[in-house]
């Protein structure tokens, strides 16, 4: 029986690739969108549409582009 403290070799010997992928997929589906948004925000990445909700027109597009650039720069660090 595998537990959370099982060694990597023990897990590798008992779990095939398909089972591992299915496990990752099952766990990924259980993660809520709010958790993912919080993780990105914690890393300094903001969703451009959420940041510009109070602006309009040309100002809105300029703000969106600026946030895309900031997100890209944060990813490149």
N, C-alpha and C. Protein backbone atom coordinates (compact mmCIF):
# COMPACT_ATOMS: atom_id res chain seq x y z
N UNK A 1 0.84 -1.19 0.00
CA UNK A 1 0.00 0.00 0.00
C UNK A 1 0.89 1.25 0.00
N UNK A 2 0.52 2.21 -0.84
CA UNK A 2 1.27 3.46 -0.92
C UNK A 2 0.68 4.49 0.01
N UNK A 3 1.55 5.24 0.66
CA UNK A 3 1.11 6.32 1.54
C UNK A 3 1.80 7.60 1.11
N UNK A 4 1.47 8.70 1.76
CA UNK A 4 2.10 9.98 1.42
C UNK A 4 3.59 9.97 1.73
N UNK A 5 4.05 9.07 2.57
CA UNK A 5 5.47 9.02 2.91
C UNK A 5 6.22 7.92 2.13
N UNK A 6 5.57 7.30 1.15
CA UNK A 6 6.22 6.26 0.35
C UNK A 6 7.37 6.85 -0.45
N UNK A 7 8.43 6.08 -0.57
CA UNK A 7 9.61 6.52 -1.32
C UNK A 7 9.30 6.53 -2.81
N UNK A 8 10.01 7.37 -3.55
CA UNK A 8 9.79 7.50 -4.99
C UNK A 8 9.97 6.16 -5.70
N UNK A 9 10.95 5.38 -5.31
CA UNK A 9 11.19 4.08 -5.96
C UNK A 9 10.01 3.14 -5.72
N UNK A 10 9.47 3.16 -4.53
CA UNK A 10 8.33 2.31 -4.22
C UNK A 10 7.12 2.71 -5.04
N UNK A 11 6.90 4.02 -5.15
CA UNK A 11 5.77 4.52 -5.95
C UNK A 11 5.99 4.14 -7.41
N UNK A 12 7.20 4.36 -7.92
CA UNK A 12 7.51 4.04 -9.31
C UNK A 12 7.33 2.56 -9.63
N UNK A 13 7.58 1.72 -8.67
CA UNK A 13 7.45 0.29 -8.89
C UNK A 13 5.99 -0.15 -8.91
N UNK A 14 5.12 0.60 -8.29
CA UNK A 14 3.72 0.19 -8.19
C UNK A 14 2.75 0.99 -9.06
N UNK A 15 3.18 2.11 -9.58
CA UNK A 15 2.29 2.97 -10.37
C UNK A 15 2.82 3.08 -11.79
N UNK A 16 1.96 2.76 -12.77
CA UNK A 16 2.42 2.92 -14.15
C UNK A 16 2.14 4.34 -14.63
N UNK A 17 2.62 4.66 -15.81
CA UNK A 17 2.51 6.02 -16.33
C UNK A 17 1.05 6.45 -16.48
N UNK A 18 0.21 5.58 -16.98
CA UNK A 18 -1.20 5.92 -17.16
C UNK A 18 -1.84 6.25 -15.81
N UNK A 19 -1.57 5.47 -14.79
CA UNK A 19 -2.13 5.74 -13.46
C UNK A 19 -1.63 7.09 -12.93
N UNK A 20 -0.37 7.40 -13.16
CA UNK A 20 0.18 8.66 -12.70
C UNK A 20 -0.49 9.84 -13.39
N UNK A 21 -0.67 9.74 -14.72
CA UNK A 21 -1.32 10.81 -15.47
C UNK A 21 -2.77 10.96 -15.02
N UNK A 22 -3.47 9.86 -14.82
CA UNK A 22 -4.86 9.92 -14.36
C UNK A 22 -4.95 10.56 -12.98
N UNK A 23 -4.00 10.25 -12.11
CA UNK A 23 -3.99 10.84 -10.78
C UNK A 23 -3.77 12.35 -10.84
N UNK A 24 -2.82 12.77 -11.66
CA UNK A 24 -2.57 14.21 -11.81
C UNK A 24 -3.81 14.90 -12.38
N UNK A 25 -4.43 14.30 -13.39
CA UNK A 25 -5.63 14.89 -14.01
C UNK A 25 -6.77 14.99 -12.99
N UNK A 26 -6.98 13.95 -12.21
CA UNK A 26 -8.04 13.97 -11.19
C UNK A 26 -7.79 15.08 -10.17
N UNK A 27 -6.56 15.18 -9.71
CA UNK A 27 -6.24 16.21 -8.72
C UNK A 27 -6.34 17.60 -9.30
N UNK A 28 -5.94 17.77 -10.56
CA UNK A 28 -6.01 19.09 -11.21
C UNK A 28 -7.47 19.55 -11.30
N UNK A 29 -8.37 18.64 -11.63
CA UNK A 29 -9.79 18.99 -11.74
C UNK A 29 -10.38 19.44 -10.40
N UNK A 30 -9.80 19.01 -9.32
CA UNK A 30 -10.31 19.38 -8.00
C UNK A 30 -9.87 20.78 -7.56
N UNK A 31 -8.90 21.35 -8.25
CA UNK A 31 -8.41 22.68 -7.90
C UNK A 31 -9.38 23.71 -8.47
N UNK A 32 -9.84 24.60 -7.63
CA UNK A 32 -10.77 25.63 -8.06
C UNK A 32 -10.09 26.77 -8.81
N UNK A 33 -10.85 27.47 -9.62
CA UNK A 33 -10.28 28.57 -10.40
C UNK A 33 -9.78 29.69 -9.49
N UNK A 34 -10.43 29.88 -8.36
CA UNK A 34 -9.99 30.92 -7.42
C UNK A 34 -8.60 30.60 -6.88
N UNK A 35 -8.32 29.34 -6.61
CA UNK A 35 -7.00 28.93 -6.13
C UNK A 35 -5.94 29.23 -7.19
N UNK A 36 -6.24 28.94 -8.45
CA UNK A 36 -5.29 29.21 -9.53
C UNK A 36 -5.07 30.71 -9.66
N UNK A 37 -6.14 31.50 -9.61
CA UNK A 37 -6.01 32.96 -9.69
C UNK A 37 -5.15 33.48 -8.55
N UNK A 38 -5.35 32.96 -7.35
CA UNK A 38 -4.57 33.39 -6.20
C UNK A 38 -3.09 33.05 -6.36
N UNK A 39 -2.79 31.88 -6.94
CA UNK A 39 -1.40 31.50 -7.17
C UNK A 39 -0.72 32.45 -8.14
N UNK A 40 -1.41 32.78 -9.23
CA UNK A 40 -0.83 33.73 -10.20
C UNK A 40 -0.66 35.10 -9.56
N UNK A 41 -1.65 35.55 -8.81
CA UNK A 41 -1.57 36.86 -8.15
C UNK A 41 -0.41 36.87 -7.15
N UNK A 42 -0.22 35.78 -6.43
CA UNK A 42 0.87 35.69 -5.46
C UNK A 42 2.23 35.83 -6.15
N UNK A 43 2.31 35.36 -7.40
CA UNK A 43 3.56 35.47 -8.19
C UNK A 43 3.69 36.84 -8.85
N UNK A 44 2.71 37.71 -8.65
CA UNK A 44 2.77 39.05 -9.23
C UNK A 44 2.11 39.19 -10.58
N UNK A 45 1.45 38.13 -11.06
CA UNK A 45 0.76 38.19 -12.35
C UNK A 45 -0.70 38.54 -12.11
N UNK A 46 -1.18 39.53 -12.83
CA UNK A 46 -2.56 39.98 -12.69
C UNK A 46 -3.32 39.70 -13.98
N UNK A 47 -4.60 39.45 -13.87
CA UNK A 47 -5.44 39.25 -15.04
C UNK A 47 -5.78 40.63 -15.61
N UNK A 48 -5.38 40.91 -16.84
CA UNK A 48 -5.59 42.25 -17.40
C UNK A 48 -7.05 42.69 -17.39
N UNK A 49 -7.98 41.82 -17.67
CA UNK A 49 -9.40 42.20 -17.71
C UNK A 49 -9.91 42.60 -16.33
N UNK A 50 -9.44 41.95 -15.29
CA UNK A 50 -9.88 42.29 -13.95
C UNK A 50 -9.30 43.61 -13.48
N UNK A 51 -8.08 43.90 -13.92
CA UNK A 51 -7.40 45.13 -13.52
C UNK A 51 -7.99 46.37 -14.18
N UNK A 52 -8.68 46.21 -15.31
CA UNK A 52 -9.15 47.36 -16.08
C UNK A 52 -10.66 47.47 -16.09
N UNK A 53 -11.32 46.89 -15.15
CA UNK A 53 -12.78 46.89 -15.14
C UNK A 53 -13.37 48.30 -15.04
N UNK A 54 -12.66 49.24 -14.45
CA UNK A 54 -13.19 50.59 -14.26
C UNK A 54 -12.74 51.59 -15.33
N UNK A 55 -12.09 51.11 -16.38
CA UNK A 55 -11.65 52.01 -17.44
C UNK A 55 -12.45 51.70 -18.70
N UNK A 56 -12.28 52.55 -19.73
CA UNK A 56 -13.04 52.30 -20.95
C UNK A 56 -12.25 52.74 -22.17
N UNK A 57 -12.67 52.25 -23.34
CA UNK A 57 -12.14 52.68 -24.62
C UNK A 57 -10.64 52.53 -24.78
N UNK A 58 -10.02 53.57 -25.33
CA UNK A 58 -8.58 53.56 -25.63
C UNK A 58 -7.77 53.38 -24.36
N UNK A 59 -8.19 54.02 -23.28
CA UNK A 59 -7.47 53.88 -22.00
C UNK A 59 -7.47 52.43 -21.55
N UNK A 60 -8.59 51.74 -21.72
CA UNK A 60 -8.71 50.35 -21.35
C UNK A 60 -7.73 49.49 -22.14
N UNK A 61 -7.65 49.68 -23.46
CA UNK A 61 -6.74 48.90 -24.29
C UNK A 61 -5.28 49.16 -23.92
N UNK A 62 -4.95 50.40 -23.63
CA UNK A 62 -3.58 50.74 -23.23
C UNK A 62 -3.23 50.08 -21.90
N UNK A 63 -4.17 50.08 -20.98
CA UNK A 63 -3.95 49.45 -19.68
C UNK A 63 -3.80 47.95 -19.83
N UNK A 64 -4.62 47.34 -20.69
CA UNK A 64 -4.51 45.90 -20.95
C UNK A 64 -3.13 45.55 -21.50
N UNK A 65 -2.67 46.33 -22.47
CA UNK A 65 -1.35 46.06 -23.06
C UNK A 65 -0.24 46.23 -22.03
N UNK A 66 -0.33 47.24 -21.20
CA UNK A 66 0.66 47.45 -20.15
C UNK A 66 0.69 46.26 -19.19
N UNK A 67 -0.47 45.74 -18.81
CA UNK A 67 -0.51 44.60 -17.89
C UNK A 67 0.06 43.35 -18.56
N UNK A 68 -0.19 43.17 -19.85
CA UNK A 68 0.39 42.03 -20.57
C UNK A 68 1.92 42.11 -20.54
N UNK A 69 2.45 43.30 -20.74
CA UNK A 69 3.91 43.50 -20.70
C UNK A 69 4.43 43.21 -19.31
N UNK A 70 3.75 43.71 -18.29
CA UNK A 70 4.19 43.45 -16.90
C UNK A 70 4.16 41.96 -16.59
N UNK A 71 3.11 41.26 -17.03
CA UNK A 71 3.03 39.82 -16.81
C UNK A 71 4.17 39.10 -17.51
N UNK A 72 4.47 39.50 -18.74
CA UNK A 72 5.56 38.88 -19.48
C UNK A 72 6.90 39.11 -18.77
N UNK A 73 7.13 40.33 -18.33
CA UNK A 73 8.38 40.64 -17.62
C UNK A 73 8.49 39.83 -16.34
N UNK A 74 7.37 39.65 -15.63
CA UNK A 74 7.40 38.87 -14.39
C UNK A 74 7.71 37.40 -14.69
N UNK A 75 7.19 36.89 -15.79
CA UNK A 75 7.48 35.49 -16.15
C UNK A 75 8.93 35.30 -16.54
N UNK A 76 9.55 36.31 -17.14
CA UNK A 76 10.92 36.19 -17.62
C UNK A 76 11.95 36.31 -16.50
N UNK A 77 11.55 36.74 -15.33
CA UNK A 77 12.49 36.91 -14.21
C UNK A 77 12.88 35.59 -13.62
